[in-house]
């Protein structure tokens, strides 16, 4: 006998804010080490959502306050990088363009345990240059 639910799309399980995968946990340990060494002022995970458009939000994995007080949003990806999440890359780049006064950094797990850092340059300059 066939179930009435067979073939029906299943809802995707969503992680709760603050739940980190193993790669994010590894990055959190690096950030905490940097904080204790005085290289950064602090960090928090999944604590901010940026509005991209009506009904569209981007929540970066980490908010990092650098040693000189600048805010850096980090998006952490595993060894496969952005291949598994092309929509996430689009949102990441869109956020960098809409919020050029923050720094955006893609942090990709490198083979062998290191990190490959990919800084995203904003599409526009902040503050905007006004014509004379």
Protein backbone atom coordinates (compact mmCIF):
# COMPACT_ATOMS: atom_id res chain seq x y z
CA UNK A 1 0.00 0.00 0.00
CA UNK A 2 1.31 3.42 -0.93
CA UNK A 3 1.57 6.13 1.71
CA UNK A 4 -0.34 9.35 1.07
CA UNK A 5 2.90 11.24 1.85
CA UNK A 6 5.03 9.45 -0.71
CA UNK A 7 6.38 11.87 -3.29
CA UNK A 8 5.47 14.95 -1.27
CA UNK A 9 8.29 17.45 -0.75
CA UNK A 10 9.73 17.18 2.71
CA UNK A 11 10.53 20.31 4.68
CA UNK A 12 14.23 20.97 5.03
CA UNK A 13 15.55 20.88 8.57
CA UNK A 14 16.85 24.29 9.60
CA UNK A 15 19.63 24.85 12.03
CA UNK A 16 18.80 27.16 14.88
CA UNK A 17 20.83 30.36 15.16
CA UNK A 18 23.93 29.62 17.18
CA UNK A 19 24.16 25.98 16.07
CA UNK A 20 27.54 25.62 14.38
CA UNK A 21 28.67 22.85 12.06
CA UNK A 22 32.13 21.30 12.54
CA UNK A 23 33.87 23.72 10.17
CA UNK A 24 32.28 26.69 11.92
CA UNK A 25 33.27 25.27 15.31
CA UNK A 26 36.85 25.03 14.06
CA UNK A 27 36.73 28.66 12.89
CA UNK A 28 35.23 29.72 16.25
CA UNK A 29 38.23 28.21 18.03
CA UNK A 30 40.58 30.21 15.77
CA UNK A 31 38.64 33.43 16.43
CA UNK A 32 38.67 32.83 20.19
CA UNK A 33 42.43 32.27 20.07
CA UNK A 34 42.81 35.55 18.15
CA UNK A 35 40.64 37.34 20.73
CA UNK A 36 42.68 36.01 23.64
CA UNK A 37 45.90 37.07 21.86
CA UNK A 38 44.51 40.59 21.37
CA UNK A 39 44.47 40.36 17.57
CA UNK A 40 40.71 40.99 17.44
CA UNK A 41 38.41 42.74 19.91
CA UNK A 42 35.68 40.13 19.77
CA UNK A 43 33.39 37.94 17.71
CA UNK A 44 29.93 36.42 17.75
CA UNK A 45 28.23 33.74 15.66
CA UNK A 46 25.04 34.09 13.62
CA UNK A 47 23.88 37.09 15.61
CA UNK A 48 23.06 39.54 12.81
CA UNK A 49 20.71 39.38 9.82
CA UNK A 50 21.13 41.82 6.97
CA UNK A 51 18.15 42.76 4.81
CA UNK A 52 18.87 42.34 1.10
CA UNK A 53 15.38 42.91 -0.30
CA UNK A 54 11.82 42.56 0.85
CA UNK A 55 11.62 39.11 2.43
CA UNK A 56 15.26 38.26 1.65
CA UNK A 57 17.82 38.14 4.42
CA UNK A 58 21.45 37.16 4.79
CA UNK A 59 22.82 35.89 8.10
CA UNK A 60 26.62 35.69 8.13
CA UNK A 61 28.28 32.93 10.12
CA UNK A 62 30.44 35.30 12.17
CA UNK A 63 30.62 38.97 13.06
CA UNK A 64 34.21 39.85 13.96
CA UNK A 65 35.41 43.16 15.40
CA UNK A 66 38.99 43.66 14.25
CA UNK A 67 41.74 45.08 16.42
CA UNK A 68 41.17 48.56 14.97
CA UNK A 69 37.39 48.41 15.50
CA UNK A 70 36.20 47.53 11.99
CA UNK A 71 33.32 45.09 11.57
CA UNK A 72 34.02 42.06 9.40
CA UNK A 73 31.35 39.54 8.42
CA UNK A 74 32.74 36.06 7.78
CA UNK A 75 31.04 33.30 5.80
CA UNK A 76 32.65 29.93 6.53
CA UNK A 77 32.59 27.10 4.00
CA UNK A 78 34.06 23.60 4.00
CA UNK A 79 36.52 22.17 1.52
CA UNK A 80 34.01 22.21 -1.33
CA UNK A 81 33.60 25.92 -0.82
CA UNK A 82 30.69 27.58 -2.57
CA UNK A 83 29.91 24.63 -4.87
CA UNK A 84 27.20 23.30 -2.55
CA UNK A 85 25.65 26.72 -1.90
CA UNK A 86 25.54 28.93 -5.03
CA UNK A 87 22.54 30.90 -3.67
CA UNK A 88 24.53 31.65 -0.50
CA UNK A 89 27.36 33.08 -2.61
CA UNK A 90 24.92 35.37 -4.42
CA UNK A 91 23.50 36.61 -1.11
CA UNK A 92 27.02 37.07 0.27
CA UNK A 93 28.09 39.22 -2.71
CA UNK A 94 24.80 41.15 -2.64
CA UNK A 95 25.28 41.95 1.04
CA UNK A 96 28.82 43.18 0.36
CA UNK A 97 27.43 45.53 -2.29
CA UNK A 98 24.55 46.82 -0.15
CA UNK A 99 26.65 47.31 2.98
CA UNK A 100 30.02 48.64 1.73
CA UNK A 101 30.89 50.13 5.14
CA UNK A 102 31.45 46.60 6.49
CA UNK A 103 34.12 44.15 5.35
CA UNK A 104 33.01 40.76 4.01
CA UNK A 105 35.29 37.74 4.05
CA UNK A 106 34.76 34.25 2.72
CA UNK A 107 36.69 31.76 4.84
CA UNK A 108 37.16 28.42 3.11
CA UNK A 109 38.60 25.38 4.86
CA UNK A 110 41.81 24.43 3.07
CA UNK A 111 43.09 20.87 2.73
CA UNK A 112 45.51 20.15 5.54
CA UNK A 113 43.70 22.21 8.15
CA UNK A 114 44.41 25.80 7.14
CA UNK A 115 42.11 28.50 5.82
CA UNK A 116 41.80 30.21 2.46
CA UNK A 117 40.62 33.80 3.00
CA UNK A 118 38.65 35.51 0.21
CA UNK A 119 37.99 39.21 0.83
CA UNK A 120 35.06 40.67 -1.09
CA UNK A 121 35.55 44.17 -2.39
CA UNK A 122 32.42 46.32 -2.22
CA UNK A 123 31.00 47.43 -5.55
CA UNK A 124 30.87 51.03 -4.33
CA UNK A 125 33.02 53.26 -2.15
CA UNK A 126 31.93 54.28 1.34
CA UNK A 127 31.43 57.06 2.11
CA UNK A 128 30.22 57.99 -1.35
CA UNK A 129 32.31 60.58 -3.13
CA UNK A 130 30.21 63.65 -3.88
CA UNK A 131 30.94 65.56 -7.08
CA UNK A 132 32.38 69.04 -6.52
